[in-house]
Amino acid sequence: MLLCIHVPGFAVAVTRTREVWNAMLDALDALSPLVDDLVEGTTYLDMRGIDGAPGDWVRRAHGVLAEFGLPLRVGIAANKFVARAAANVRDGCICEPGGERALVAPLPLDLLGLDPPTLERLHLFGVRTLGELAGLPHGPFVRRFGRAASLWHAHACGVDPEPVFPRARELQIDASLYGEGTAERAEQVYFALRLLVERVCRDLSRAGKAAALLQVTLECENGDVRVLQVGLVRATSDPHAMLDVLRAKIEGASFGAPISGLHLRVARLEEGGTPAALFACGEPDPQAVAVALARLEAVLGASGSRARVVPARRVEARFVYDVFLPPASFAYDALAEPAAPSAVPQLRLLAVREIDVVLRGNAPSFVGSPPRVVIDCAGPWRIDEGWFDTPVARDEFDVLLEDGALYRIYRQGERWYVRGVYD
């Protein structure tokens, strides 16, 4: 369950909004370690695993924020949008699982945050509430209003796939910490980073979660901001494992000015616990792999990639380059049941030679000399492109002959040629 806390008119009613908002978020740490702060004035708390009933959470939220003297509206539901809608209905509104669509149905379209022209168009169609929007057929509605309309329709149906993004832990590197102002040496940055990692890991441990992806933001004195995405081979809440990978990632980076601020955010959460294999002595150490990958990426940048085989008609198109990502887990791979082998025919190119082909209905019927009957045929596939300034235009076919041989043949102009055979 998610708890939404909304402060109506927060930006208007409060001066020094960021300072006050951060103080409110710090106070909410007493309720849950997973606090989402993407929008000032509205926050979401992941309450799964937190002791107490939903009514108790509402009272505790009002209690920890009472010192700020601001009007609060608290709502509880299974996802962000419905929790925000519950807070809009009334303070303390709790949506039971399964009642999301019914709760949002009578609410106005303004809750979706649509621009005025879109609202006006929907009003012309007679759509003024979320329930009326949910009643529209999904496909035609999305085709008329664009890709964003898919999310509007999902919200109107009480569905919101957006996860909770735990707020970043921030630390300003200043004279009070080092006695020398901003960090000009790597040791100072690593010391501050260790403090942030320990705070984040305490939050994760309290929530029983693990981090699978980290985002570290480094602010420099000259105003430059560097954002680094740090993937972990195995989700963890161990500060030593995180710090090793973060250090390896930062080691290869260069900055034009001393670093004055650090922000560390968990960009992807997973359930806590570490899978273990019975026979893992031969497995690579995932922590060592994570550090090695981070160092490679720091040196090579985001260009690190690996080839992946894909099905395609032409040999030249049978591989693509993907961004290299570490495997999710090494432990379970050792225990996983091996997949059943499947025979996939592979095209072996031959020296191109001309052959005789007899057509029937614009498809090969007999191939070769002496002619062999074509049992099955796939194609044609038109190849029309330039290679090294030499134009290529041909029609390719795969033909299965009566003796079981499977060939790739093609027609160029009025002549036929063998391109390869499948093994």
Protein backbone atom coordinates (compact mmCIF):
# COMPACT_ATOMS: atom_id res chain seq x y z
CA MET A 1 0.00 0.00 0.00
CA LEU A 2 1.10 3.55 -0.73
CA LEU A 3 0.40 6.55 1.46
CA CYS A 4 0.05 9.88 -0.37
CA ILE A 5 0.51 13.16 1.49
CA HIS A 6 -0.58 16.26 -0.40
CA VAL A 7 -0.18 19.85 0.79
CA PRO A 8 -2.64 22.05 -1.17
CA GLY A 9 -1.05 25.28 -2.38
CA PHE A 10 2.35 24.35 -0.96
CA ALA A 11 4.37 26.58 -3.31
CA VAL A 12 2.16 29.60 -2.52
CA ALA A 13 1.78 29.11 1.21
CA VAL A 14 5.44 28.40 2.03
CA THR A 15 8.58 30.48 1.62
CA ARG A 16 11.91 28.70 1.20
CA THR A 17 9.92 25.80 -0.18
CA ARG A 18 12.83 23.43 -0.80
CA GLU A 19 14.20 23.84 2.71
CA VAL A 20 10.80 23.28 4.32
CA TRP A 21 9.98 20.37 2.03
CA ASN A 22 13.25 18.59 2.82
CA ALA A 23 12.55 19.03 6.54
CA MET A 24 9.10 17.46 6.04
CA LEU A 25 10.59 14.53 4.16
CA ASP A 26 13.15 14.01 6.93
CA ALA A 27 10.29 13.89 9.43
CA LEU A 28 8.46 11.31 7.31
CA ASP A 29 11.44 8.96 7.64
CA ALA A 30 9.84 8.05 10.98
CA LEU A 31 6.96 6.44 9.02
CA SER A 32 8.75 4.73 6.15
CA PRO A 33 12.30 4.68 4.78
CA LEU A 34 10.96 4.70 1.20
CA VAL A 35 9.79 8.27 0.55
CA ASP A 36 9.19 9.55 -2.99
CA ASP A 37 9.93 13.29 -3.44
CA LEU A 38 9.65 13.84 -7.19
CA VAL A 39 7.14 16.73 -6.79
CA GLU A 40 7.23 19.37 -4.07
CA GLY A 41 3.97 19.42 -2.15
CA THR A 42 3.10 15.78 -2.87
CA THR A 43 4.93 12.73 -1.62
CA TYR A 44 4.34 8.99 -1.56
CA LEU A 45 5.44 6.52 1.10
CA ASP A 46 5.76 2.80 0.51
CA MET A 47 4.08 1.30 3.59
CA ARG A 48 4.51 -2.37 2.76
CA GLY A 49 5.94 -4.15 5.78
CA ILE A 50 5.25 -1.19 8.11
CA ASP A 51 3.46 -2.10 11.35
CA GLY A 52 -0.04 -0.79 11.97
CA ALA A 53 -3.34 -0.45 10.12
CA PRO A 54 -3.97 2.16 7.38
CA GLY A 55 -5.91 4.30 9.83
CA ASP A 56 -2.92 4.31 12.17
CA TRP A 57 -0.66 5.45 9.30
CA VAL A 58 -2.92 8.42 8.63
CA ARG A 59 -2.83 9.52 12.26
CA ARG A 60 0.94 9.06 12.46
CA ALA A 61 1.45 11.11 9.28
CA HIS A 62 -0.51 14.00 10.77
CA GLY A 63 1.44 13.62 14.00
CA VAL A 64 4.95 13.80 12.53
CA LEU A 65 4.03 16.79 10.32
CA ALA A 66 2.00 18.72 12.90
CA GLU A 67 4.93 21.00 13.76
CA PHE A 68 4.88 22.54 10.26
CA GLY A 69 1.33 23.85 10.67
CA LEU A 70 0.33 23.13 7.07
CA PRO A 71 -3.00 21.71 5.85
CA LEU A 72 -2.53 18.05 4.88
CA ARG A 73 -4.60 15.62 2.87
CA VAL A 74 -3.66 11.97 3.27
CA GLY A 75 -4.84 9.13 1.03
CA ILE A 76 -3.98 5.43 0.89
CA ALA A 77 -4.27 3.08 -2.10
CA ALA A 78 -2.40 0.40 -4.01
CA ASN A 79 -0.77 2.76 -6.53
CA LYS A 80 0.34 6.36 -6.84
CA PHE A 81 -2.48 7.81 -8.92
CA VAL A 82 -5.28 6.29 -6.87
CA ALA A 83 -3.55 7.29 -3.61
CA ARG A 84 -3.39 10.87 -4.90
CA ALA A 85 -7.05 10.63 -5.94
CA ALA A 86 -7.99 9.33 -2.48
CA ALA A 87 -6.28 12.33 -0.91
CA ASN A 88 -8.27 14.53 -3.29
CA VAL A 89 -11.57 12.92 -2.19
CA ARG A 90 -11.02 13.64 1.51
CA ASP A 91 -8.34 13.58 4.15
CA GLY A 92 -7.85 10.05 5.48
CA CYS A 93 -9.56 8.33 2.53
CA ILE A 94 -8.48 4.68 2.22
CA CYS A 95 -9.10 2.75 -1.02
CA GLU A 96 -9.42 -0.97 -0.46
CA PRO A 97 -7.80 -3.28 -3.04
CA GLY A 98 -10.14 -3.82 -5.95
CA GLY A 99 -11.98 -0.54 -5.47
CA GLU A 100 -9.59 1.68 -7.42
CA ARG A 101 -11.78 2.19 -10.50
CA ALA A 102 -14.89 2.93 -8.47
CA LEU A 103 -13.06 5.49 -6.34
CA VAL A 104 -11.69 7.52 -9.27
CA ALA A 105 -14.80 7.24 -11.49
CA PRO A 106 -16.68 10.36 -10.21
CA LEU A 107 -13.58 12.57 -10.10
CA PRO A 108 -12.99 15.30 -12.72
CA LEU A 109 -10.49 15.08 -15.55
CA ASP A 110 -8.41 17.85 -13.93
CA LEU A 111 -6.76 15.16 -11.80
CA LEU A 112 -4.91 13.92 -14.91
CA GLY A 113 -3.08 17.24 -15.30
CA LEU A 114 -4.20 17.69 -18.94
CA ASP A 115 -3.56 20.88 -20.87
CA PRO A 116 -6.62 23.14 -21.54
CA PRO A 117 -6.94 22.32 -25.29
CA THR A 118 -7.08 18.58 -24.54
CA LEU A 119 -9.62 19.12 -21.77
CA GLU A 120 -11.75 21.15 -24.13
CA ARG A 121 -11.63 18.42 -26.79
CA LEU A 122 -12.69 15.79 -24.25
CA HIS A 123 -15.52 18.02 -23.04
CA LEU A 124 -16.75 18.33 -26.63
CA PHE A 125 -16.99 14.52 -26.67
CA GLY A 126 -19.06 14.67 -23.49
CA VAL A 127 -16.27 13.29 -21.30
CA ARG A 128 -16.01 15.17 -17.99
CA THR A 129 -15.18 12.52 -15.38
CA LEU A 130 -12.62 9.76 -15.11
CA GLY A 131 -15.38 7.16 -15.18
CA GLU A 132 -16.61 8.46 -18.54
CA LEU A 133 -13.04 8.42 -19.85
CA ALA A 134 -12.54 4.83 -18.66
CA GLY A 135 -15.68 3.84 -20.59
CA LEU A 136 -14.17 4.88 -23.92
CA PRO A 137 -12.66 2.09 -26.07
CA HIS A 138 -8.93 2.09 -25.45
CA GLY A 139 -7.65 1.62 -29.01
CA PRO A 140 -9.66 4.34 -30.80
CA PHE A 141 -9.08 6.76 -27.90
CA VAL A 142 -5.29 6.33 -28.06
CA ARG A 143 -5.25 6.63 -31.85
CA ARG A 144 -7.16 9.93 -31.67
CA PHE A 145 -5.27 11.55 -28.78
CA GLY A 146 -1.78 10.07 -29.13
CA ARG A 147 0.52 7.83 -27.12
CA ALA A 148 0.09 9.79 -23.86
CA ALA A 149 -3.61 8.93 -23.91
CA SER A 150 -2.76 5.32 -23.04
CA LEU A 151 -1.60 6.43 -19.58
CA TRP A 152 -4.65 8.71 -19.14
CA HIS A 153 -6.94 5.78 -19.86
CA ALA A 154 -5.03 3.53 -17.46
CA HIS A 155 -5.31 6.15 -14.68
CA ALA A 156 -9.02 6.52 -15.36
CA CYS A 157 -9.32 2.75 -14.85
CA GLY A 158 -7.49 2.98 -11.52
CA VAL A 159 -4.19 1.60 -12.83
CA ASP A 160 -0.79 3.25 -12.39
CA PRO A 161 2.40 1.25 -13.14
CA GLU A 162 4.81 3.96 -11.91
CA PRO A 163 6.93 2.65 -9.01
CA VAL A 164 8.06 4.54 -5.93
CA PHE A 165 11.40 6.31 -6.46
CA PRO A 166 13.11 6.67 -3.07
CA ARG A 167 14.38 10.19 -2.56
CA ALA A 168 18.04 10.92 -3.01
CA ARG A 169 20.28 11.33 -0.01
CA GLU A 170 22.07 14.65 -0.33
CA LEU A 171 25.29 15.89 1.16
CA GLN A 172 26.93 19.25 0.59
CA ILE A 173 30.71 19.14 0.78
CA ASP A 174 31.66 22.30 2.63
CA ALA A 175 34.06 23.64 5.24
CA SER A 176 32.09 22.18 8.11
CA LEU A 177 32.85 18.71 6.82
CA TYR A 178 36.42 18.99 5.59
CA GLY A 179 37.75 22.29 6.85
CA GLU A 180 38.96 23.00 3.30
CA GLY A 181 35.82 23.96 1.41
CA THR A 182 34.91 21.92 -1.64
CA ALA A 183 36.45 18.54 -2.40
CA GLU A 184 39.50 18.83 -4.59
CA ARG A 185 40.93 15.40 -3.83
CA ALA A 186 39.44 12.01 -4.60
CA GLU A 187 39.76 10.90 -0.97
CA GLN A 188 37.37 13.65 0.12
CA VAL A 189 34.77 12.63 -2.44
CA TYR A 190 35.02 8.97 -1.46
CA PHE A 191 34.65 9.85 2.22
CA ALA A 192 31.46 11.82 1.52
CA LEU A 193 30.20 9.08 -0.77
CA ARG A 194 30.69 6.50 1.98
CA LEU A 195 28.48 8.56 4.31
CA LEU A 196 25.73 8.70 1.68
CA VAL A 197 25.97 4.98 0.92
CA GLU A 198 25.62 4.13 4.61
CA ARG A 199 22.50 6.30 4.91
CA VAL A 200 20.90 4.77 1.82
CA CYS A 201 21.70 1.23 2.97
CA ARG A 202 20.12 1.95 6.37
CA ASP A 203 16.93 2.95 4.54
CA LEU A 204 17.03 -0.21 2.44
CA SER A 205 17.61 -2.46 5.45
CA ARG A 206 14.69 -0.92 7.32
CA ALA A 207 12.42 -1.56 4.35
CA GLY A 208 13.75 -5.04 3.61
CA LYS A 209 14.72 -3.97 0.09
CA ALA A 210 17.82 -4.12 -2.08
CA ALA A 211 19.15 -1.72 -4.72
CA ALA A 212 19.58 -2.92 -8.29
CA LEU A 213 20.39 0.43 -9.91
CA LEU A 214 21.94 3.56 -8.38
CA GLN A 215 22.00 7.13 -9.63
CA VAL A 216 24.73 9.42 -8.34
CA THR A 217 24.73 13.15 -9.13
CA LEU A 218 27.89 15.18 -8.66
CA GLU A 219 27.66 18.98 -8.49
CA CYS A 220 30.75 21.07 -9.20
CA GLU A 221 31.67 24.57 -8.05
CA ASN A 222 31.42 25.93 -11.60
CA GLY A 223 27.80 24.77 -11.93
CA ASP A 224 28.47 21.59 -13.89
CA VAL A 225 26.31 18.61 -12.95
CA ARG A 226 27.30 15.02 -13.78
CA VAL A 227 24.73 12.22 -13.46
CA LEU A 228 26.00 8.63 -13.45
CA GLN A 229 23.86 5.48 -13.67
CA VAL A 230 25.49 2.64 -11.75
CA GLY A 231 24.10 -0.85 -12.29
CA LEU A 232 24.76 -3.63 -9.80
CA VAL A 233 25.26 -7.22 -10.92
CA ARG A 234 23.23 -8.41 -7.95
CA ALA A 235 20.73 -6.32 -5.99
CA THR A 236 22.21 -5.51 -2.59
CA SER A 237 21.88 -3.40 0.54
CA ASP A 238 25.52 -3.96 1.53
CA PRO A 239 27.32 -0.58 1.78
CA HIS A 240 30.74 -2.10 1.02
CA ALA A 241 29.50 -3.68 -2.21
CA MET A 242 27.85 -0.44 -3.31
CA LEU A 243 30.85 1.71 -2.45
CA ASP A 244 33.26 -0.50 -4.41
CA VAL A 245 31.16 -0.20 -7.57
CA LEU A 246 30.56 3.54 -7.15
CA ARG A 247 34.27 4.20 -6.63
CA ALA A 248 35.15 2.19 -9.74
CA LYS A 249 32.59 4.18 -11.71
CA ILE A 250 33.87 7.58 -10.54
CA GLU A 251 37.58 6.74 -10.85
CA GLY A 252 37.55 7.19 -14.63
CA ALA A 253 35.60 10.47 -14.60
CA SER A 254 37.23 13.89 -14.83
CA PHE A 255 35.78 17.18 -13.54
CA GLY A 256 36.60 20.76 -14.45
CA ALA A 257 36.11 22.11 -10.92
CA PRO A 258 36.05 20.88 -7.31
CA ILE A 259 32.99 18.84 -6.34
CA SER A 260 30.62 20.69 -4.01
CA GLY A 261 27.65 18.34 -3.72
CA LEU A 262 26.67 14.67 -3.95
CA HIS A 263 23.25 13.11 -4.43
CA LEU A 264 22.69 9.35 -4.28
CA ARG A 265 19.37 7.80 -5.32
CA VAL A 266 18.21 4.20 -5.67
CA ALA A 267 16.74 4.13 -9.17
CA ARG A 268 15.45 0.54 -9.03
CA LEU A 269 14.38 -1.50 -6.01
CA GLU A 270 14.14 -5.24 -5.58
CA GLU A 271 13.05 -7.43 -2.73
CA GLY A 272 15.68 -8.07 -0.07
CA GLY A 273 17.62 -11.29 0.32
CA THR A 274 20.37 -12.83 -1.78
CA PRO A 275 19.78 -16.05 -3.77
CA ALA A 276 22.38 -18.70 -3.01
CA ALA A 277 23.36 -21.78 -4.99
CA LEU A 278 24.27 -25.15 -3.52
CA PHE A 279 27.26 -25.58 -5.81
CA ALA A 280 28.58 -22.11 -6.58
CA CYS A 281 32.31 -22.61 -6.06
CA GLY A 282 32.92 -22.38 -9.79
CA GLU A 283 30.77 -19.29 -10.28
CA PRO A 284 32.40 -15.90 -10.88
CA ASP A 285 32.29 -13.48 -7.96
CA PRO A 286 29.42 -11.09 -8.84
CA GLN A 287 30.98 -8.27 -6.85
CA ALA A 288 34.25 -8.58 -8.76
CA VAL A 289 32.29 -8.61 -12.02
CA ALA A 290 30.37 -5.47 -11.01
CA VAL A 291 33.55 -3.58 -10.17
CA ALA A 292 35.24 -4.67 -13.41
CA LEU A 293 32.24 -3.56 -15.47
CA ALA A 294 32.08 -0.21 -13.70
CA ARG A 295 35.77 0.42 -14.41
CA LEU A 296 35.37 -0.55 -18.06
CA GLU A 297 32.41 1.77 -18.47
CA ALA A 298 34.30 4.60 -16.76
CA VAL A 299 37.10 4.18 -19.32
CA LEU A 300 35.05 3.39 -22.43
CA GLY A 301 31.95 5.46 -21.63
CA ALA A 302 28.48 4.28 -22.52
CA SER A 303 29.67 2.80 -25.82
CA GLY A 304 30.37 -0.63 -24.35
CA SER A 305 28.27 -3.14 -26.27
CA ARG A 306 28.03 -6.77 -27.23
CA ALA A 307 26.74 -8.55 -30.31
CA ARG A 308 23.47 -10.46 -30.20
CA VAL A 309 22.23 -12.87 -32.87
CA VAL A 310 18.78 -12.08 -34.27
CA PRO A 311 16.69 -13.87 -36.91
CA ALA A 312 16.93 -12.23 -40.33
CA ARG A 313 16.70 -13.21 -43.95
CA ARG A 314 20.14 -11.87 -44.87
CA VAL A 315 23.38 -12.94 -43.23
CA GLU A 316 24.52 -9.32 -42.95
CA ALA A 317 21.53 -8.45 -40.74
CA ARG A 318 21.75 -11.42 -38.38
CA PHE A 319 23.37 -9.57 -35.50
CA VAL A 320 22.85 -6.33 -33.63
CA TYR A 321 24.85 -4.50 -30.97
CA ASP A 322 23.24 -4.01 -27.56
CA VAL A 323 24.41 -2.02 -24.56
CA PHE A 324 26.21 -4.48 -22.33
CA LEU A 325 24.33 -5.11 -19.08
CA PRO A 326 25.50 -7.45 -16.34
CA PRO A 327 23.49 -10.63 -15.85
CA ALA A 328 20.83 -10.37 -13.15
CA SER A 329 22.17 -13.28 -11.12
CA PHE A 330 24.91 -15.84 -11.26
CA ALA A 331 23.68 -18.02 -8.42
CA TYR A 332 20.50 -19.30 -9.97
CA ASP A 333 22.13 -19.93 -13.32
CA ALA A 334 24.03 -22.86 -11.83
CA LEU A 335 20.84 -24.46 -10.55
CA ALA A 336 18.59 -23.66 -13.49
CA GLU A 337 17.44 -26.61 -15.52
CA PRO A 338 19.13 -26.46 -18.92
CA ALA A 339 16.83 -25.59 -21.76
CA ALA A 340 16.06 -28.32 -24.24
CA PRO A 341 18.33 -27.97 -27.27
CA SER A 342 16.61 -26.85 -30.42
CA ALA A 343 17.92 -27.34 -33.92
CA VAL A 344 18.07 -24.04 -35.79
CA PRO A 345 19.15 -24.27 -39.44
CA GLN A 346 22.17 -22.11 -40.19
CA LEU A 347 22.78 -20.66 -43.63
CA ARG A 348 26.21 -21.54 -45.04
CA LEU A 349 27.20 -19.32 -47.95
CA LEU A 350 28.46 -21.03 -51.08
CA ALA A 351 30.37 -19.78 -54.07
CA VAL A 352 27.75 -18.08 -56.18
CA ARG A 353 26.87 -20.08 -59.27
CA GLU A 354 24.11 -19.88 -61.81
CA ILE A 355 21.38 -22.54 -61.77
CA ASP A 356 18.32 -23.51 -63.79
CA VAL A 357 14.93 -22.73 -62.26
CA VAL A 358 11.47 -23.51 -63.62
CA LEU A 359 8.69 -21.23 -62.39
CA ARG A 360 5.06 -22.02 -61.75
CA GLY A 361 2.86 -19.15 -60.64
CA ASN A 362 5.90 -16.84 -60.15
CA ALA A 363 7.42 -19.29 -57.63
CA PRO A 364 10.20 -21.86 -58.17
CA SER A 365 8.78 -25.29 -59.01
CA PHE A 366 11.91 -27.15 -60.24
CA VAL A 367 15.51 -26.31 -59.37
CA GLY A 368 18.83 -27.54 -60.74
CA SER A 369 19.95 -29.76 -63.57
CA PRO A 370 18.71 -32.45 -63.59
CA PRO A 371 15.63 -30.68 -62.17
CA ARG A 372 14.54 -31.49 -58.62
CA VAL A 373 11.01 -30.84 -57.37
CA VAL A 374 10.49 -27.96 -54.92
CA ILE A 375 8.45 -29.33 -51.98
CA ASP A 376 8.10 -25.98 -50.18
CA CYS A 377 9.10 -22.41 -50.90
CA ALA A 378 9.35 -19.20 -48.84
CA GLY A 379 9.73 -15.74 -50.33
CA PRO A 380 10.35 -13.69 -52.30
CA TRP A 381 12.29 -11.17 -50.21
CA ARG A 382 13.26 -8.09 -52.14
CA ILE A 383 16.84 -6.91 -51.61
CA ASP A 384 17.34 -3.43 -53.01
CA GLU A 385 20.28 -1.47 -51.63
CA GLY A 386 23.77 -0.25 -52.37
CA TRP A 387 26.94 -1.92 -51.11
CA PHE A 388 30.18 -0.04 -51.69
CA ASP A 389 28.54 2.04 -54.43
CA THR A 390 27.46 -1.14 -56.23
CA PRO A 391 23.66 -1.35 -56.47
CA VAL A 392 22.07 -4.68 -55.52
CA ALA A 393 18.54 -5.58 -56.59
CA ARG A 394 17.35 -9.18 -56.36
CA ASP A 395 14.57 -11.46 -55.11
CA GLU A 396 15.59 -14.20 -52.66
CA PHE A 397 13.81 -17.51 -51.96
CA ASP A 398 14.30 -20.42 -49.58
CA VAL A 399 13.43 -23.69 -51.33
CA LEU A 400 13.07 -27.18 -49.85
CA LEU A 401 13.81 -29.84 -52.46
CA GLU A 402 12.51 -33.39 -52.75
CA ASP A 403 15.79 -34.85 -51.46
CA GLY A 404 15.55 -32.80 -48.22
CA ALA A 405 18.11 -30.14 -49.19
CA LEU A 406 17.25 -26.55 -48.19
CA TYR A 407 18.79 -23.83 -50.35
CA ARG A 408 18.77 -20.04 -50.54
CA ILE A 409 18.46 -18.99 -54.18
CA TYR A 410 17.89 -15.63 -55.77
CA ARG A 411 16.85 -14.06 -59.05
CA GLN A 412 18.74 -11.13 -60.45
CA GLY A 413 17.30 -9.88 -63.69
CA GLU A 414 16.35 -12.96 -65.69
CA ARG A 415 18.97 -15.28 -64.17
CA TRP A 416 18.93 -17.47 -61.05
CA TYR A 417 21.80 -18.16 -58.65
CA VAL A 418 22.54 -20.28 -55.56
CA ARG A 419 23.44 -18.13 -52.53
CA GLY A 420 23.82 -20.78 -49.82
CA VAL A 421 22.63 -24.00 -48.23
CA TYR A 422 21.11 -24.55 -44.77
CA ASP A 423 22.95 -27.03 -42.53
